[in-house]
Amino acid sequence: MLDDQPRDPQAPKGRPTPKRSEAQGARRKAVTTPTDRKAAARAAREARRVDMAKQREALAGGDERYLPPRDRGPVRKFVRDHVDARFRVAEFFLPIAVIILVMSIVQVSSLRDLSLLLWLVVIVLIVTDSLVTGLRLRSLLRREFPGQNTKGAVAYGLMRTLQMRRLRLPKPQVKRGDRPA
């Protein structure tokens, strides 16, 4: 308990210096590897499984402590909340792409022409929405987090817009139309 607290280098340490043989023995004990490789692998696998379960739970619930490093921090939370607070054109890309694909397969030439036009419209809308979202996010991040490292936050937000809202991880914590906290 006292060992965990930092102390002034000039202050006495409050315990006797261990003998060299005791210190070396303690180091050897800490470094020893398990004799049973299978048991060690099993224990490592179990520890990894527990960590992954905590991480999955955090992604579903938004618990900041167990989130993967790419999703941690107030900057990333702000970006997630900003993106999740409103509809984005890009999140509907997959359903629209399926509809356009079906329209292009049909043997009616007017539907095929319409599908090509729809592709163009969808791509222009997604690029425009992404540009507006990126510029808005960049200015908000400068205002909300002056002097902090926000590198990669805009790209993180734009990648999040490409996912359908139901499939986003960590799960959205704000409702559409709400102002991000």
N, C-alpha and C. Protein backbone atom coordinates (compact mmCIF):
# COMPACT_ATOMS: atom_id res chain seq x y z
N MET A 1 0.83 -1.19 0.00
CA MET A 1 0.00 0.00 0.00
C MET A 1 0.87 1.25 0.00
N LEU A 2 1.90 1.26 0.85
CA LEU A 2 2.81 2.40 0.86
C LEU A 2 3.69 2.42 -0.37
N ASP A 3 3.94 1.23 -0.96
CA ASP A 3 4.81 1.15 -2.13
C ASP A 3 4.19 1.83 -3.34
N ASP A 4 2.85 1.90 -3.39
CA ASP A 4 2.18 2.48 -4.55
C ASP A 4 2.27 4.00 -4.58
N GLN A 5 2.47 4.61 -3.43
CA GLN A 5 2.47 6.06 -3.36
C GLN A 5 3.86 6.60 -3.69
N PRO A 6 3.91 7.65 -4.54
CA PRO A 6 5.22 8.24 -4.82
C PRO A 6 5.72 8.97 -3.57
N ARG A 7 7.03 8.94 -3.38
CA ARG A 7 7.59 9.59 -2.19
C ARG A 7 8.66 10.57 -2.62
N ASP A 8 8.95 11.48 -1.73
CA ASP A 8 10.00 12.45 -1.96
C ASP A 8 11.34 11.69 -1.95
N PRO A 9 12.23 11.89 -2.93
CA PRO A 9 13.49 11.14 -2.97
C PRO A 9 14.37 11.37 -1.73
N GLN A 10 14.17 12.48 -1.06
CA GLN A 10 14.99 12.77 0.13
C GLN A 10 14.44 12.08 1.38
N ALA A 11 13.20 11.64 1.34
CA ALA A 11 12.57 11.05 2.53
C ALA A 11 13.05 9.62 2.72
N PRO A 12 13.09 9.14 3.97
CA PRO A 12 13.45 7.74 4.20
C PRO A 12 12.37 6.83 3.63
N LYS A 13 12.74 5.63 3.20
CA LYS A 13 11.79 4.78 2.51
C LYS A 13 10.84 4.04 3.43
N GLY A 14 11.13 3.94 4.70
CA GLY A 14 10.18 3.36 5.64
C GLY A 14 10.23 1.85 5.74
N ARG A 15 11.22 1.20 5.11
CA ARG A 15 11.37 -0.25 5.22
C ARG A 15 12.84 -0.59 5.01
N PRO A 16 13.27 -1.72 5.55
CA PRO A 16 14.69 -2.07 5.39
C PRO A 16 15.01 -2.51 3.96
N THR A 17 16.24 -2.27 3.56
CA THR A 17 16.69 -2.71 2.24
C THR A 17 16.79 -4.23 2.24
N PRO A 18 16.20 -4.90 1.24
CA PRO A 18 16.29 -6.36 1.22
C PRO A 18 17.72 -6.82 0.90
N LYS A 19 18.05 -8.01 1.39
CA LYS A 19 19.36 -8.57 1.06
C LYS A 19 19.38 -8.90 -0.43
N ARG A 20 20.58 -8.92 -0.99
CA ARG A 20 20.72 -9.19 -2.42
C ARG A 20 20.09 -10.53 -2.78
N SER A 21 20.32 -11.55 -1.99
CA SER A 21 19.79 -12.88 -2.30
C SER A 21 18.26 -12.86 -2.31
N GLU A 22 17.64 -12.10 -1.39
CA GLU A 22 16.18 -12.02 -1.37
C GLU A 22 15.66 -11.29 -2.61
N ALA A 23 16.31 -10.19 -2.99
CA ALA A 23 15.87 -9.42 -4.15
C ALA A 23 16.00 -10.25 -5.43
N GLN A 24 17.12 -10.98 -5.56
CA GLN A 24 17.30 -11.81 -6.76
C GLN A 24 16.28 -12.94 -6.78
N GLY A 25 16.00 -13.51 -5.65
CA GLY A 25 15.00 -14.58 -5.58
C GLY A 25 13.62 -14.08 -5.97
N ALA A 26 13.28 -12.90 -5.52
CA ALA A 26 11.97 -12.32 -5.85
C ALA A 26 11.86 -12.05 -7.35
N ARG A 27 12.96 -11.58 -7.96
CA ARG A 27 12.94 -11.34 -9.41
C ARG A 27 12.79 -12.64 -10.18
N ARG A 28 13.51 -13.67 -9.73
CA ARG A 28 13.42 -14.96 -10.42
C ARG A 28 12.01 -15.52 -10.34
N LYS A 29 11.37 -15.36 -9.19
CA LYS A 29 10.02 -15.86 -9.01
C LYS A 29 9.04 -15.16 -9.95
N ALA A 30 9.21 -13.87 -10.15
CA ALA A 30 8.30 -13.10 -10.99
C ALA A 30 8.44 -13.45 -12.46
N VAL A 31 9.62 -13.89 -12.87
CA VAL A 31 9.88 -14.14 -14.28
C VAL A 31 9.56 -15.58 -14.68
N THR A 32 9.42 -16.47 -13.73
CA THR A 32 9.25 -17.88 -14.07
C THR A 32 8.02 -18.08 -14.95
N THR A 33 8.19 -18.91 -15.96
CA THR A 33 7.08 -19.22 -16.87
C THR A 33 6.39 -20.48 -16.37
N PRO A 34 5.12 -20.62 -16.70
CA PRO A 34 4.41 -21.82 -16.26
C PRO A 34 5.05 -23.05 -16.90
N THR A 35 5.07 -24.14 -16.15
CA THR A 35 5.68 -25.37 -16.67
C THR A 35 4.76 -26.05 -17.67
N ASP A 36 3.48 -25.86 -17.54
CA ASP A 36 2.53 -26.48 -18.45
C ASP A 36 2.11 -25.48 -19.53
N ARG A 37 2.58 -25.70 -20.76
CA ARG A 37 2.29 -24.77 -21.85
C ARG A 37 0.80 -24.72 -22.16
N LYS A 38 0.14 -25.86 -22.11
CA LYS A 38 -1.29 -25.91 -22.42
C LYS A 38 -2.10 -25.11 -21.41
N ALA A 39 -1.73 -25.22 -20.13
CA ALA A 39 -2.45 -24.48 -19.10
C ALA A 39 -2.22 -22.98 -19.28
N ALA A 40 -1.00 -22.59 -19.63
CA ALA A 40 -0.70 -21.17 -19.85
C ALA A 40 -1.49 -20.64 -21.05
N ALA A 41 -1.55 -21.40 -22.13
CA ALA A 41 -2.30 -20.98 -23.31
C ALA A 41 -3.79 -20.88 -22.99
N ARG A 42 -4.28 -21.84 -22.21
CA ARG A 42 -5.69 -21.82 -21.81
C ARG A 42 -6.00 -20.57 -20.98
N ALA A 43 -5.12 -20.25 -20.04
CA ALA A 43 -5.32 -19.07 -19.20
C ALA A 43 -5.27 -17.78 -20.03
N ALA A 44 -4.33 -17.72 -20.98
CA ALA A 44 -4.23 -16.54 -21.85
C ALA A 44 -5.48 -16.40 -22.71
N ARG A 45 -5.97 -17.52 -23.24
CA ARG A 45 -7.18 -17.50 -24.06
C ARG A 45 -8.39 -17.02 -23.24
N GLU A 46 -8.48 -17.51 -22.02
CA GLU A 46 -9.59 -17.12 -21.15
C GLU A 46 -9.52 -15.63 -20.82
N ALA A 47 -8.31 -15.13 -20.54
CA ALA A 47 -8.15 -13.70 -20.24
C ALA A 47 -8.52 -12.86 -21.46
N ARG A 48 -8.11 -13.31 -22.66
CA ARG A 48 -8.45 -12.60 -23.89
C ARG A 48 -9.96 -12.61 -24.12
N ARG A 49 -10.61 -13.75 -23.84
CA ARG A 49 -12.05 -13.87 -24.02
C ARG A 49 -12.80 -12.91 -23.09
N VAL A 50 -12.34 -12.82 -21.84
CA VAL A 50 -12.96 -11.90 -20.87
C VAL A 50 -12.78 -10.45 -21.33
N ASP A 51 -11.59 -10.10 -21.80
CA ASP A 51 -11.34 -8.74 -22.30
C ASP A 51 -12.23 -8.40 -23.49
N MET A 52 -12.36 -9.35 -24.42
CA MET A 52 -13.19 -9.12 -25.60
C MET A 52 -14.66 -8.99 -25.21
N ALA A 53 -15.11 -9.77 -24.23
CA ALA A 53 -16.50 -9.67 -23.77
C ALA A 53 -16.76 -8.29 -23.17
N LYS A 54 -15.80 -7.80 -22.37
CA LYS A 54 -15.93 -6.46 -21.79
C LYS A 54 -15.98 -5.41 -22.90
N GLN A 55 -15.14 -5.60 -23.93
CA GLN A 55 -15.09 -4.64 -25.03
C GLN A 55 -16.41 -4.65 -25.82
N ARG A 56 -16.97 -5.85 -26.07
CA ARG A 56 -18.25 -5.93 -26.78
C ARG A 56 -19.36 -5.26 -25.98
N GLU A 57 -19.36 -5.50 -24.67
CA GLU A 57 -20.36 -4.89 -23.80
C GLU A 57 -20.22 -3.37 -23.80
N ALA A 58 -18.99 -2.90 -23.79
CA ALA A 58 -18.75 -1.45 -23.81
C ALA A 58 -19.21 -0.85 -25.13
N LEU A 59 -18.99 -1.56 -26.24
CA LEU A 59 -19.43 -1.05 -27.54
C LEU A 59 -20.95 -0.96 -27.59
N ALA A 60 -21.63 -1.90 -26.94
CA ALA A 60 -23.09 -1.88 -26.93
C ALA A 60 -23.61 -0.81 -25.98
N GLY A 61 -22.93 -0.62 -24.85
CA GLY A 61 -23.44 0.31 -23.84
C GLY A 61 -22.75 1.65 -23.79
N GLY A 62 -21.58 1.76 -24.38
CA GLY A 62 -20.87 3.03 -24.39
C GLY A 62 -19.99 3.27 -23.18
N ASP A 63 -19.64 2.21 -22.43
CA ASP A 63 -18.78 2.37 -21.26
C ASP A 63 -17.38 2.73 -21.72
N GLU A 64 -16.96 3.93 -21.41
CA GLU A 64 -15.71 4.51 -21.91
C GLU A 64 -14.47 3.71 -21.49
N ARG A 65 -14.51 3.05 -20.33
CA ARG A 65 -13.31 2.37 -19.82
C ARG A 65 -12.89 1.20 -20.69
N TYR A 66 -13.83 0.49 -21.28
CA TYR A 66 -13.50 -0.73 -22.01
C TYR A 66 -13.60 -0.58 -23.53
N LEU A 67 -13.82 0.65 -24.00
CA LEU A 67 -13.87 0.85 -25.45
C LEU A 67 -12.50 0.62 -26.06
N PRO A 68 -12.45 0.20 -27.32
CA PRO A 68 -11.15 0.10 -27.99
C PRO A 68 -10.52 1.48 -28.10
N PRO A 69 -9.20 1.55 -28.22
CA PRO A 69 -8.51 2.85 -28.25
C PRO A 69 -9.03 3.81 -29.33
N ARG A 70 -9.48 3.30 -30.48
CA ARG A 70 -9.94 4.20 -31.54
C ARG A 70 -11.23 4.93 -31.17
N ASP A 71 -11.99 4.41 -30.18
CA ASP A 71 -13.27 5.01 -29.81
C ASP A 71 -13.23 5.77 -28.49
N ARG A 72 -12.06 5.82 -27.84
CA ARG A 72 -11.97 6.43 -26.51
C ARG A 72 -11.77 7.93 -26.58
N GLY A 73 -12.19 8.58 -25.51
CA GLY A 73 -11.89 9.99 -25.32
C GLY A 73 -13.06 10.90 -25.59
N PRO A 74 -12.98 12.11 -25.05
CA PRO A 74 -14.08 13.07 -25.20
C PRO A 74 -14.23 13.56 -26.64
N VAL A 75 -13.14 13.62 -27.39
CA VAL A 75 -13.22 14.09 -28.78
C VAL A 75 -14.03 13.09 -29.61
N ARG A 76 -13.71 11.81 -29.47
CA ARG A 76 -14.42 10.79 -30.25
C ARG A 76 -15.89 10.70 -29.83
N LYS A 77 -16.15 10.86 -28.54
CA LYS A 77 -17.55 10.84 -28.07
C LYS A 77 -18.31 12.01 -28.67
N PHE A 78 -17.69 13.18 -28.69
CA PHE A 78 -18.33 14.35 -29.29
C PHE A 78 -18.64 14.10 -30.77
N VAL A 79 -17.68 13.53 -31.50
CA VAL A 79 -17.87 13.25 -32.92
C VAL A 79 -19.01 12.25 -33.11
N ARG A 80 -19.01 11.18 -32.30
CA ARG A 80 -20.08 10.17 -32.41
C ARG A 80 -21.45 10.82 -32.17
N ASP A 81 -21.55 11.61 -31.13
CA ASP A 81 -22.83 12.24 -30.81
C ASP A 81 -23.27 13.22 -31.90
N HIS A 82 -22.31 13.95 -32.46
CA HIS A 82 -22.64 14.90 -33.53
C HIS A 82 -23.15 14.15 -34.76
N VAL A 83 -22.50 13.06 -35.12
CA VAL A 83 -22.90 12.30 -36.30
C VAL A 83 -24.24 11.61 -36.07
N ASP A 84 -24.45 11.09 -34.87
CA ASP A 84 -25.67 10.33 -34.59
C ASP A 84 -26.89 11.21 -34.38
N ALA A 85 -26.69 12.52 -34.22
CA ALA A 85 -27.79 13.42 -33.89
C ALA A 85 -28.68 13.75 -35.08
N ARG A 86 -28.26 13.43 -36.30
CA ARG A 86 -29.12 13.73 -37.44
C ARG A 86 -28.99 12.69 -38.54
N PHE A 87 -29.94 12.75 -39.48
CA PHE A 87 -29.91 11.83 -40.62
C PHE A 87 -28.73 12.18 -41.51
N ARG A 88 -28.10 11.16 -42.06
CA ARG A 88 -27.02 11.33 -43.02
C ARG A 88 -27.36 10.54 -44.27
N VAL A 89 -27.08 11.09 -45.42
CA VAL A 89 -27.41 10.43 -46.68
C VAL A 89 -26.62 9.13 -46.82
N ALA A 90 -25.37 9.13 -46.39
CA ALA A 90 -24.49 7.98 -46.59
C ALA A 90 -24.98 6.73 -45.85
N GLU A 91 -25.71 6.90 -44.75
CA GLU A 91 -26.15 5.72 -44.01
C GLU A 91 -27.20 4.92 -44.77
N PHE A 92 -27.83 5.54 -45.76
CA PHE A 92 -28.83 4.85 -46.57
C PHE A 92 -28.25 4.33 -47.88
N PHE A 93 -26.94 4.37 -48.01
CA PHE A 93 -26.31 3.97 -49.27
C PHE A 93 -26.58 2.50 -49.61
N LEU A 94 -26.41 1.60 -48.65
CA LEU A 94 -26.59 0.17 -48.95
C LEU A 94 -28.02 -0.16 -49.39
N PRO A 95 -29.06 0.27 -48.69
CA PRO A 95 -30.40 -0.04 -49.18
C PRO A 95 -30.68 0.58 -50.55
N ILE A 96 -30.21 1.80 -50.76
CA ILE A 96 -30.42 2.45 -52.06
C ILE A 96 -29.65 1.71 -53.15
N ALA A 97 -28.45 1.25 -52.83
CA ALA A 97 -27.64 0.51 -53.81
C ALA A 97 -28.34 -0.78 -54.23
N VAL A 98 -28.98 -1.45 -53.30
CA VAL A 98 -29.72 -2.68 -53.65
C VAL A 98 -30.87 -2.35 -54.59
N ILE A 99 -31.59 -1.29 -54.29
CA ILE A 99 -32.71 -0.88 -55.15
C ILE A 99 -32.21 -0.52 -56.55
N ILE A 100 -31.12 0.22 -56.62
CA ILE A 100 -30.56 0.61 -57.92
C ILE A 100 -30.08 -0.61 -58.69
N LEU A 101 -29.47 -1.56 -57.97
CA LEU A 101 -29.00 -2.79 -58.62
C LEU A 101 -30.17 -3.57 -59.22
N VAL A 102 -31.24 -3.70 -58.49
CA VAL A 102 -32.43 -4.40 -59.01
C VAL A 102 -32.98 -3.66 -60.22
N MET A 103 -33.02 -2.32 -60.14
CA MET A 103 -33.52 -1.54 -61.27
C MET A 103 -32.65 -1.71 -62.51
N SER A 104 -31.34 -1.86 -62.31
CA SER A 104 -30.45 -2.00 -63.48
C SER A 104 -30.51 -3.39 -64.10
N ILE A 105 -30.96 -4.38 -63.35
CA ILE A 105 -31.06 -5.75 -63.87
C ILE A 105 -32.33 -5.93 -64.71
N VAL A 106 -33.37 -5.20 -64.35
CA VAL A 106 -34.65 -5.31 -65.05
C VAL A 106 -34.46 -4.96 -66.52
N GLN A 107 -35.20 -5.66 -67.37
CA GLN A 107 -35.02 -5.51 -68.82
C GLN A 107 -35.72 -4.29 -69.41
N VAL A 108 -36.30 -3.43 -68.57
CA VAL A 108 -36.97 -2.22 -69.06
C VAL A 108 -35.91 -1.13 -69.18
N SER A 109 -35.75 -0.59 -70.38
CA SER A 109 -34.67 0.37 -70.62
C SER A 109 -34.87 1.67 -69.85
N SER A 110 -36.11 2.09 -69.66
CA SER A 110 -36.33 3.34 -68.93
C SER A 110 -35.92 3.17 -67.45
N LEU A 111 -36.13 1.99 -66.87
CA LEU A 111 -35.70 1.74 -65.49
C LEU A 111 -34.18 1.71 -65.39
N ARG A 112 -33.53 1.13 -66.41
CA ARG A 112 -32.06 1.11 -66.41
C ARG A 112 -31.49 2.52 -66.49
N ASP A 113 -32.09 3.36 -67.34
CA ASP A 113 -31.65 4.75 -67.44
C ASP A 113 -31.88 5.49 -66.13
N LEU A 114 -33.03 5.24 -65.51
CA LEU A 114 -33.34 5.86 -64.23
C LEU A 114 -32.36 5.41 -63.14
N SER A 115 -31.95 4.14 -63.20
CA SER A 115 -30.99 3.64 -62.20
C SER A 115 -29.64 4.34 -62.33
N LEU A 116 -29.20 4.60 -63.56
CA LEU A 116 -27.95 5.33 -63.77
C LEU A 116 -28.05 6.76 -63.23
N LEU A 117 -29.16 7.40 -63.48
CA LEU A 117 -29.38 8.74 -62.96
C LEU A 117 -29.42 8.73 -61.43
N LEU A 118 -30.08 7.72 -60.87
CA LEU A 118 -30.17 7.61 -59.42
C LEU A 118 -28.79 7.39 -58.80
N TRP A 119 -27.93 6.58 -59.47
CA TRP A 119 -26.55 6.40 -58.99
C TRP A 119 -25.85 7.75 -58.88
N LEU A 120 -25.96 8.52 -59.93
CA LEU A 120 -25.30 9.83 -59.96
C LEU A 120 -25.82 10.73 -58.84
N VAL A 121 -27.14 10.77 -58.68
CA VAL A 121 -27.75 11.62 -57.65
C VAL A 121 -27.28 11.18 -56.25
N VAL A 122 -27.29 9.88 -56.00
CA VAL A 122 -26.90 9.37 -54.68
C VAL A 122 -25.44 9.70 -54.40
N ILE A 123 -24.57 9.51 -55.36
CA ILE A 123 -23.14 9.78 -55.15
C ILE A 123 -22.91 11.27 -54.90
N VAL A 124 -23.58 12.12 -55.67
CA VAL A 124 -23.43 13.57 -55.46
C VAL A 124 -23.95 13.96 -54.08
N LEU A 125 -25.08 13.40 -53.66
CA LEU A 125 -25.63 13.71 -52.34
C LEU A 125 -24.69 13.25 -51.22
N ILE A 126 -24.13 12.06 -51.37
CA ILE A 126 -23.23 11.54 -50.33
C ILE A 126 -21.96 12.40 -50.24
N VAL A 127 -21.39 12.75 -51.38
CA VAL A 127 -20.17 13.58 -51.37
C VAL A 127 -20.47 14.95 -50.78
N THR A 128 -21.59 15.55 -51.16
CA THR A 128 -21.96 16.87 -50.63
C THR A 128 -22.19 16.81 -49.12
N ASP A 129 -22.96 15.81 -48.68
CA ASP A 129 -23.23 15.66 -47.25
C ASP A 129 -21.94 15.41 -46.47
N SER A 130 -21.04 14.62 -47.04
CA SER A 130 -19.77 14.34 -46.37
C SER A 130 -18.91 15.60 -46.27
N LEU A 131 -18.87 16.39 -47.32
CA LEU A 131 -18.10 17.64 -47.28
C LEU A 131 -18.66 18.59 -46.23
N VAL A 132 -19.98 18.75 -46.21
CA VAL A 132 -20.60 19.65 -45.24
C VAL A 132 -20.36 19.14 -43.82
N THR A 133 -20.55 17.83 -43.62
CA THR A 133 -20.34 17.24 -42.29
C THR A 133 -18.89 17.40 -41.86
N GLY A 134 -17.95 17.13 -42.76
CA GLY A 134 -16.53 17.24 -42.43
C GLY A 134 -16.13 18.66 -42.06
N LEU A 135 -16.57 19.63 -42.85
CA LEU A 135 -16.23 21.03 -42.55
C LEU A 135 -16.87 21.48 -41.24
N ARG A 136 -18.12 21.09 -41.03
CA ARG A 136 -18.81 21.47 -39.79
C ARG A 136 -18.12 20.82 -38.58
N LEU A 137 -17.79 19.54 -38.69
CA LEU A 137 -17.11 18.85 -37.59
C LEU A 137 -15.76 19.49 -37.28
N ARG A 138 -15.02 19.82 -38.32
CA ARG A 138 -13.70 20.42 -38.11
C ARG A 138 -13.82 21.74 -37.34
N SER A 139 -14.80 22.57 -37.73
CA SER A 139 -14.95 23.86 -37.02
C SER A 139 -15.46 23.64 -35.59
N LEU A 140 -16.37 22.70 -35.39
CA LEU A 140 -16.86 22.42 -34.03
C LEU A 140 -15.75 21.88 -33.14
N LEU A 141 -14.91 21.02 -33.69
CA LEU A 141 -13.80 20.45 -32.90
C LEU A 141 -12.81 21.55 -32.51
N ARG A 142 -12.53 22.46 -33.43
CA ARG A 142 -11.63 23.57 -33.09
C ARG A 142 -12.20 24.43 -31.96
N ARG A 143 -13.53 24.63 -32.00
CA ARG A 143 -14.17 25.46 -30.99
C ARG A 143 -14.31 24.73 -29.65
N GLU A 144 -14.69 23.46 -29.69
CA GLU A 144 -14.95 22.70 -28.45
C GLU A 144 -13.67 22.21 -27.76
N PHE A 145 -12.66 21.88 -28.55
CA PHE A 145 -11.43 21.30 -28.00
C PHE A 145 -10.20 22.07 -28.47
N PRO A 146 -10.08 23.33 -28.09
CA PRO A 146 -8.92 24.11 -28.53
C PRO A 146 -7.63 23.56 -27.91
N GLY A 147 -6.63 23.41 -28.73
CA GLY A 147 -5.34 22.95 -28.24
C GLY A 147 -5.22 21.45 -28.05
N GLN A 148 -6.32 20.70 -28.18
CA GLN A 148 -6.25 19.24 -28.03
C GLN A 148 -5.99 18.59 -29.38
N ASN A 149 -5.49 17.38 -29.33
CA ASN A 149 -5.22 16.63 -30.55
C ASN A 149 -6.53 16.06 -31.08
N THR A 150 -6.97 16.55 -32.22
CA THR A 150 -8.19 16.05 -32.84
C THR A 150 -7.89 15.33 -34.15
N LYS A 151 -6.65 14.90 -34.31
CA LYS A 151 -6.22 14.25 -35.54
C LYS A 151 -7.03 12.97 -35.76
N GLY A 152 -7.58 12.84 -36.95
CA GLY A 152 -8.33 11.64 -37.32
C GLY A 152 -9.78 11.65 -36.87
N ALA A 153 -10.20 12.67 -36.14
CA ALA A 153 -11.57 12.69 -35.62
C ALA A 153 -12.59 12.92 -36.73
N VAL A 154 -12.28 13.75 -37.70
CA VAL A 154 -13.21 14.02 -38.79
C VAL A 154 -13.37 12.77 -39.65
N ALA A 155 -12.27 12.09 -39.96
CA ALA A 155 -12.35 10.84 -40.73
C ALA A 155 -13.14 9.79 -39.95
N TYR A 156 -12.95 9.75 -38.65
CA TYR A 156 -13.70 8.83 -37.79
C TYR A 156 -15.20 9.11 -37.91
N GLY A 157 -15.58 10.37 -37.88
CA GLY A 157 -16.99 10.74 -38.01
C GLY A 157 -17.54 10.41 -39.38
N LEU A 158 -16.76 10.67 -40.44
CA LEU A 158 -17.23 10.37 -41.78
C LEU A 158 -17.40 8.87 -42.01
N MET A 159 -16.49 8.07 -41.44
CA MET A 159 -16.64 6.62 -41.55
C MET A 159 -17.89 6.15 -40.80
N ARG A 160 -18.20 6.82 -39.71
CA ARG A 160 -19.39 6.46 -38.94
C ARG A 160 -20.66 6.79 -39.72
N THR A 161 -20.63 7.85 -40.55
CA THR A 161 -21.83 8.20 -41.33
C THR A 161 -22.12 7.13 -42.38
N LEU A 162 -21.10 6.40 -42.81
CA LEU A 162 -21.30 5.37 -43.83
C LEU A 162 -21.99 4.12 -43.30
N GLN A 163 -22.06 3.98 -41.99
CA GLN A 163 -22.70 2.80 -41.39
C GLN A 163 -24.15 3.11 -41.09
N MET A 164 -25.00 2.11 -41.29
CA MET A 164 -26.40 2.29 -40.92
C MET A 164 -26.47 2.48 -39.41
N ARG A 165 -27.36 3.32 -38.97
CA ARG A 165 -27.44 3.69 -37.55
C ARG A 165 -27.57 2.47 -36.64
N ARG A 166 -28.36 1.49 -37.03
CA ARG A 166 -28.57 0.31 -36.19
C ARG A 166 -27.29 -0.53 -36.03
N LEU A 167 -26.39 -0.43 -36.99
CA LEU A 167 -25.18 -1.26 -36.97
C LEU A 167 -23.96 -0.54 -36.41
N ARG A 168 -24.11 0.70 -36.01
CA ARG A 168 -22.96 1.47 -35.52
C ARG A 168 -22.50 0.96 -34.16
N LEU A 169 -21.20 0.88 -34.01
CA LEU A 169 -20.60 0.53 -32.73
C LEU A 169 -19.54 1.56 -32.42
N PRO A 170 -19.49 2.10 -31.23
CA PRO A 170 -20.41 1.99 -30.11
C PRO A 170 -21.80 2.48 -30.51
N LYS A 171 -22.82 1.90 -29.85
CA LYS A 171 -24.20 2.23 -30.16
C LYS A 171 -24.44 3.73 -29.97
N PRO A 172 -25.29 4.32 -30.81
CA PRO A 172 -25.60 5.75 -30.65
C PRO A 172 -26.19 6.04 -29.27
N GLN A 173 -25.70 7.10 -28.63
CA GLN A 173 -26.16 7.49 -27.30
C GLN A 173 -27.13 8.66 -27.33
N VAL A 174 -27.31 9.28 -28.50
CA VAL A 174 -28.25 10.40 -28.64
C VAL A 174 -29.31 10.03 -29.66
N LYS A 175 -30.48 10.60 -29.48
CA LYS A 175 -31.57 10.40 -30.44
C LYS A 175 -31.41 11.38 -31.57
N ARG A 176 -32.01 11.05 -32.70
CA ARG A 176 -31.96 11.98 -33.81
C ARG A 176 -32.70 13.26 -33.43
N GLY A 177 -32.12 14.37 -33.81
CA GLY A 177 -32.73 15.66 -33.50
C GLY A 177 -32.24 16.26 -32.19
N ASP A 178 -31.66 15.44 -31.29
CA ASP A 178 -31.11 15.96 -30.05
C ASP A 178 -29.82 16.70 -30.34
N ARG A 179 -29.54 17.69 -29.54
CA ARG A 179 -28.26 18.38 -29.67
C ARG A 179 -27.22 17.57 -28.90
N PRO A 180 -26.07 17.30 -29.51
CA PRO A 180 -25.03 16.54 -28.79
C PRO A 180 -24.57 17.31 -27.56
N ALA A 181 -24.33 16.56 -26.48
CA ALA A 181 -23.90 17.18 -25.21
C ALA A 181 -22.49 17.68 -25.26
